[in-house]
Protein backbone atom coordinates (compact mmCIF):
# COMPACT_ATOMS: atom_id res chain seq x y z
CA UNK A 1 67.72 60.86 -49.56
CA UNK A 2 69.81 63.94 -50.08
CA UNK A 3 69.84 63.51 -53.84
CA UNK A 4 67.57 65.57 -56.00
CA UNK A 5 66.00 63.87 -58.96
CA UNK A 6 65.45 64.76 -62.54
CA UNK A 7 62.04 63.81 -63.74
CA UNK A 8 60.55 62.67 -67.02
CA UNK A 9 56.80 62.24 -67.09
CA UNK A 10 55.19 60.31 -69.91
CA UNK A 11 51.44 60.50 -70.11
CA UNK A 12 50.02 58.06 -72.54
CA UNK A 13 47.84 55.03 -72.82
CA UNK A 14 50.75 52.82 -72.08
CA UNK A 15 54.05 47.87 -66.08
CA UNK A 16 57.23 44.43 -62.51
CA UNK A 17 56.39 40.94 -61.80
CA UNK A 18 55.44 42.16 -58.34
CA UNK A 19 53.74 45.55 -58.38
CA UNK A 20 54.24 48.16 -55.70
CA UNK A 21 51.76 50.98 -55.17
CA UNK A 22 53.15 54.36 -54.34
CA UNK A 23 51.02 56.97 -52.60
CA UNK A 24 51.96 60.31 -51.23
CA UNK A 25 51.41 61.09 -47.57
CA UNK A 26 48.53 63.58 -47.20
CA UNK A 27 50.67 66.27 -45.61
CA UNK A 28 54.03 65.67 -47.23
CA UNK A 29 54.44 65.43 -51.00
CA UNK A 30 58.22 65.69 -50.80
CA UNK A 31 58.65 61.91 -50.61
CA UNK A 32 57.25 58.76 -52.26
CA UNK A 33 55.34 56.44 -49.90
CA UNK A 34 54.37 52.77 -50.22
CA UNK A 35 50.95 51.23 -49.47
CA UNK A 36 51.77 51.00 -45.76
CA UNK A 37 52.39 54.71 -45.56
CA UNK A 38 56.15 54.18 -45.11
CA UNK A 39 58.68 56.23 -47.05
CA UNK A 40 59.77 54.29 -50.16
CA UNK A 41 63.51 53.62 -50.31
CA UNK A 42 66.03 52.54 -52.92
CA UNK A 43 68.06 49.36 -52.72
CA UNK A 44 70.71 51.40 -50.89
CA UNK A 45 68.28 52.41 -48.15
CA UNK A 46 67.97 55.98 -49.39
CA UNK A 47 64.58 57.71 -49.35
CA UNK A 48 63.02 58.63 -52.68
CA UNK A 49 62.19 62.31 -52.90
CA UNK A 50 59.88 63.97 -55.40
CA UNK A 51 60.87 67.06 -57.34
CA UNK A 52 58.68 69.09 -54.97
CA UNK A 53 60.90 68.29 -51.95
CA UNK A 54 62.30 71.17 -49.91
CA UNK A 55 64.27 71.15 -46.62
CA UNK A 56 61.08 72.23 -44.85
CA UNK A 57 59.52 68.84 -45.76
CA UNK A 58 62.39 66.84 -44.22
CA UNK A 59 61.46 63.90 -41.97
CA UNK A 60 63.79 62.46 -39.33
CA UNK A 61 63.84 59.00 -40.96
CA UNK A 62 65.34 60.35 -44.16
CA UNK A 63 67.08 63.61 -43.23
CA UNK A 64 67.89 63.54 -39.50
CA UNK A 65 70.43 66.32 -39.85
CA UNK A 66 67.72 68.68 -41.12
CA UNK A 67 65.32 67.87 -38.29
CA UNK A 68 67.66 68.16 -35.31
CA UNK A 69 66.48 70.79 -32.84
CA UNK A 70 70.04 72.04 -32.56
CA UNK A 71 70.18 72.89 -36.22
CA UNK A 72 69.75 76.58 -36.89
CA UNK A 73 67.85 78.04 -39.85
CA UNK A 74 71.17 79.23 -41.21
CA UNK A 75 72.62 75.70 -41.19
CA UNK A 76 69.54 74.31 -42.90
CA UNK A 77 69.69 77.05 -45.49
CA UNK A 78 73.34 76.20 -46.20
CA UNK A 79 72.44 72.55 -46.75
CA UNK A 80 69.65 73.52 -49.11
CA UNK A 81 71.93 75.86 -51.05
CA UNK A 82 74.58 73.15 -51.44
CA UNK A 83 72.08 70.63 -52.83
CA UNK A 84 71.97 70.61 -56.65
CA UNK A 85 68.65 71.79 -58.05
CA UNK A 86 66.74 69.09 -59.93
CA UNK A 87 66.92 69.23 -63.72
CA UNK A 88 63.38 68.25 -64.68
CA UNK A 89 62.01 67.54 -68.13
CA UNK A 90 58.42 66.61 -68.85
CA UNK A 91 57.14 64.86 -71.95
CA UNK A 92 53.46 64.32 -72.74
CA UNK A 93 52.44 61.97 -75.54
CA UNK A 94 48.98 61.62 -77.09
CA UNK A 95 47.01 58.92 -75.27
CA UNK A 96 45.38 57.49 -78.40
CA UNK A 97 48.68 56.34 -79.87
CA UNK A 98 49.29 53.50 -77.42
CA UNK A 99 46.20 51.45 -76.49
CA UNK A 100 43.03 50.49 -78.30
CA UNK A 101 39.70 50.17 -76.53
CA UNK A 102 39.60 47.15 -74.20
CA UNK A 103 43.22 46.25 -75.07
CA UNK A 104 46.50 46.07 -73.14
CA UNK A 105 48.74 45.59 -76.17
CA UNK A 106 51.10 48.36 -77.22
CA UNK A 107 50.65 49.68 -80.74
CA UNK A 108 53.65 49.99 -83.06
CA UNK A 109 53.65 53.78 -82.79
CA UNK A 110 53.43 53.47 -79.00
CA UNK A 111 56.53 51.28 -78.96
CA UNK A 112 58.34 53.85 -81.05
CA UNK A 113 57.55 56.55 -78.52
CA UNK A 114 58.68 54.35 -75.65
CA UNK A 115 61.94 53.90 -77.56
CA UNK A 116 62.35 57.67 -77.39
CA UNK A 117 61.94 57.52 -73.61
CA UNK A 118 64.52 54.72 -73.35
CA UNK A 119 66.89 56.91 -75.35
CA UNK A 120 66.50 59.70 -72.80
CA UNK A 121 67.39 57.32 -69.96
CA UNK A 122 70.95 57.27 -71.27
CA UNK A 123 71.38 60.83 -70.04
CA UNK A 124 70.56 60.08 -66.40
CA UNK A 125 71.50 57.67 -63.62
CA UNK A 126 68.20 55.82 -63.24
CA UNK A 127 66.71 55.38 -59.77
CA UNK A 128 63.17 54.24 -60.45
CA UNK A 129 60.44 54.23 -63.07
CA UNK A 130 56.84 54.37 -61.83
CA UNK A 131 54.16 53.32 -64.32
CA UNK A 132 50.51 53.97 -63.43
CA UNK A 133 47.87 52.45 -65.71
CA UNK A 134 44.36 53.81 -66.30
CA UNK A 135 41.16 52.73 -68.04
CA UNK A 136 38.02 54.46 -69.26
CA UNK A 137 34.70 54.12 -67.43
CA UNK A 138 33.12 51.61 -69.85
CA UNK A 139 32.74 48.22 -68.16
CA UNK A 140 32.81 46.91 -64.57
CA UNK A 141 35.10 48.47 -61.96
CA UNK A 142 36.97 45.20 -61.25
CA UNK A 143 37.53 44.54 -64.95
CA UNK A 144 38.85 48.06 -65.54
CA UNK A 145 41.16 47.75 -62.53
CA UNK A 146 42.73 44.61 -63.98
CA UNK A 147 42.94 46.19 -67.43
CA UNK A 148 44.76 49.24 -66.08
CA UNK A 149 47.26 46.96 -64.30
CA UNK A 150 47.85 44.96 -67.49
CA UNK A 151 48.54 48.15 -69.42
CA UNK A 152 51.13 49.24 -66.87
CA UNK A 153 52.70 45.77 -66.97
CA UNK A 154 52.83 45.92 -70.78
CA UNK A 155 54.86 49.10 -70.54
CA UNK A 156 57.20 47.53 -67.98
CA UNK A 157 57.70 44.44 -70.11
CA UNK A 158 58.65 46.59 -73.09
CA UNK A 159 61.09 48.72 -71.07
CA UNK A 160 62.72 45.62 -69.56
CA UNK A 161 63.05 44.21 -73.06
CA UNK A 162 64.98 47.36 -73.95
CA UNK A 163 67.49 46.84 -71.14
CA UNK A 164 65.89 48.54 -68.14
CA UNK A 165 66.45 46.54 -64.93
CA UNK A 166 63.18 44.87 -63.77
CA UNK A 167 63.68 45.99 -60.16
CA UNK A 168 63.79 49.60 -61.34
CA UNK A 169 60.23 49.54 -62.69
CA UNK A 170 57.23 49.70 -60.34
CA UNK A 171 53.68 49.39 -61.61
CA UNK A 172 50.24 50.32 -60.35
CA UNK A 173 46.72 50.32 -61.77
CA UNK A 174 44.14 53.01 -61.01
CA UNK A 175 41.29 51.49 -63.00
CA UNK A 176 38.74 54.10 -64.03
CA UNK A 177 39.21 56.24 -60.90
CA UNK A 178 41.23 59.06 -62.47
CA UNK A 179 39.77 60.00 -65.87
CA UNK A 180 41.17 63.01 -67.67
CA UNK A 181 38.08 63.53 -69.81
CA UNK A 182 35.91 64.65 -66.89
CA UNK A 183 32.34 65.40 -68.03
CA UNK A 184 33.41 66.05 -71.60
CA UNK A 185 31.90 62.80 -72.90
CA UNK A 186 28.61 63.04 -71.02
CA UNK A 187 27.34 60.69 -68.34
CA UNK A 188 24.19 59.17 -69.75
CA UNK A 189 25.44 57.95 -73.13
CA UNK A 190 25.20 54.25 -73.97
CA UNK A 191 28.38 52.53 -75.21
CA UNK A 192 28.93 53.64 -78.77
CA UNK A 193 31.80 54.37 -81.13
CA UNK A 194 31.34 58.06 -80.39
CA UNK A 195 31.66 57.47 -76.63
CA UNK A 196 34.61 55.09 -77.05
CA UNK A 197 36.45 57.65 -79.18
CA UNK A 198 35.67 60.43 -76.72
CA UNK A 199 37.05 58.44 -73.77
CA UNK A 200 40.31 57.55 -75.55
CA UNK A 201 42.48 59.89 -73.40
CA UNK A 202 41.47 57.89 -70.31
CA UNK A 203 43.04 54.71 -71.73
CA UNK A 204 46.58 55.56 -70.75
CA UNK A 205 49.63 54.87 -68.58
CA UNK A 206 51.41 57.68 -66.76
CA UNK A 207 55.13 57.10 -66.41
CA UNK A 208 57.51 58.92 -64.09
CA UNK A 209 61.22 58.37 -64.55
CA UNK A 210 63.34 59.46 -61.60
CA UNK A 211 67.11 59.64 -61.69
CA UNK A 212 70.10 61.88 -61.18
CA UNK A 213 72.19 63.76 -63.67
CA UNK A 214 75.68 62.19 -63.87
């Protein structure tokens, strides 16, 4: 897709009736990829680019004109120069304002902060919202995987209730695989209030809103 996207990232302990997992190709982080390794596309058949995309990352499927052997560096440079630069804005919210331990229910203050995000959507032409849920390490892997998915779905349900089109929101759960606390909370501690409090930042949903400036 030739469009460049503006990007809002919400990182918080924050969900589509059918979830789609996006993963980036190992050697090309200029596009979003689905679970089959294919480039993810919009309902109009246009490829979804990330804000890191540059003409050098172009693939023939999405940008054939940039990958033609006949194209000269000068022509490619002209195309890049004529493409609007993405206007990106990032927002990070405290993880402990949205989900309690072992819960997938949004708190009142979490809903309020999601309302702020919905308000910001009015300033862009929305393409897609990707919500990735996470859990802390306490409990079984399978249970935490399901919990992370439910948290992402809870965010989606709230956004849809605020007027966002369901087919614009894609959800994914990462379980306990991507903690942000690292070794901060220790590894040998038994479950306790101290450990639960320490692991709070891991109970989150990361949201990426991709759209274009009107």
